[in-house]
């Protein structure tokens, strides 16, 4: 008995690592593809159990942020503050649990996501704790760029691994002899499920029973003259048991991740054109413009108004054709549920006025922010070079002969929908502002050509400097007129 006890001390540990090494050493990896894939991707397959929870969280975040939040707001809000803002205790606890599940899945597979071909996660994001209360909520909001790529890549990877494993298993079943595979073939007809409808029972659930299955198909033996026991696995029986116990009837998942579009993501020429196409636009009179600017005098008021307008623009650009005469308040309050819309924007407008409202509010907000000494636009540093004194003097002479409101409106639209998307490596950095405007607009109407003629020799690198100069020139004229 003592000798037997001593020999058992030398038996190798039975675990996934030992099984994986054994099947590779014995050259059985080609013969048993499902078993080998399972062993290789076990951590990712284990993480798939968190998919329903992750997808539910993504859907919740999509509903509250899509076209409704700006990227800056998302970056500034921490997970802790996000949870505090949830007034319902039960919902807050559910969301906290979902976020913890995201982190558990993230810890299991994040090392693979940096080199994940479909959507690689930048190194700077790989070590982020996705559940810590100080972490930005932006990491959890589903997007394909920026911080939001973390959970998008995570879900994409888990779905792809799950589907690849199921496909391997289906191939094995289809190649089985009729007498062996007839039951599976008659029942398992390659089912699939939408990601949003995914349930726990449709995923692999093996953690509590896996070792029992492995132990049922391994055998110890003792070779004379050796001081340790050998372990042999019945790979065929183990793979078959794996399929029967954990894979049978599991569907493939149809990938459909909701991608959040932030409010200012709508600031592209294409999006504006989509709004024009779907909702013919109606100009607002000078009297209405004056009334709006009389009511919205503070930067905070203008920001709130622009936030509401951005939300409406986002949904109009993504939706179908609408009657331009539909009440804007009805659309915003009844359909989009922006309850304080009429208090902020006012009444008497239709959705055909949305771009005119955007132009009035956005220009005034950018102008007031500029007068405080801040830069109102998110553009790269290469576009913010200062103007020389000689250029400013010449510009001021030219500005005496133009409509400043038209110039400011044109520049604001140009910067927001075109310039903010130009990086320092863009070849257009070498162009003049007038050349870029011509490309942006396609053609310049005769009246506009005359208004922006002074921009023909000023380079794109000074476009923000030009905006600033026009704003301060107009402010100077207003001050002189009030004396």
Foldseek 3Di string as FASTA:
>chain_A
DVLVVQQAVFEDDDDLVVVQVVCVVVVCCVVQVLSNLCSVCVLLQVLLLLLQLLQVLQVVLQLCFFLQAAPVVQQPAFQLNVLVPDPDPVVSVSNLVSQVSLQSLLVSCLVVQCVPVVQRDPPVQSPDRSNDRRGGNCLSHCASDDSNVSSVSSSVVSLVSQQVSLVVVVVVLVPDPCVVNVVLVVPQDQAEDESNPDDSVLGFDPVVPLVVLFVVFKDWDDDPPDSHIDIDGPSVSSSVCCCVPTPRPRHRYDDDRDHGDGLLSCLALLLVVLLCVQAPADADDPVVLVVQCVVQPDLVLLVVLLSLLSSLSSDSSPDGHDYQQAWPCCCSCVPVNPPCNCVRRNGDHGNSHSVNSNLSSQLVSQLVCVVVVDHPAQADLLQADADDPVLLVVVLVLQVPADLSVVSSLLSSCCSHPRRPDDPVDPLQAAFPVVSSCVRVVHAPPNRCSRCVSRRPHGSSNSSNVSSSSSVSVVVVVVVVVD
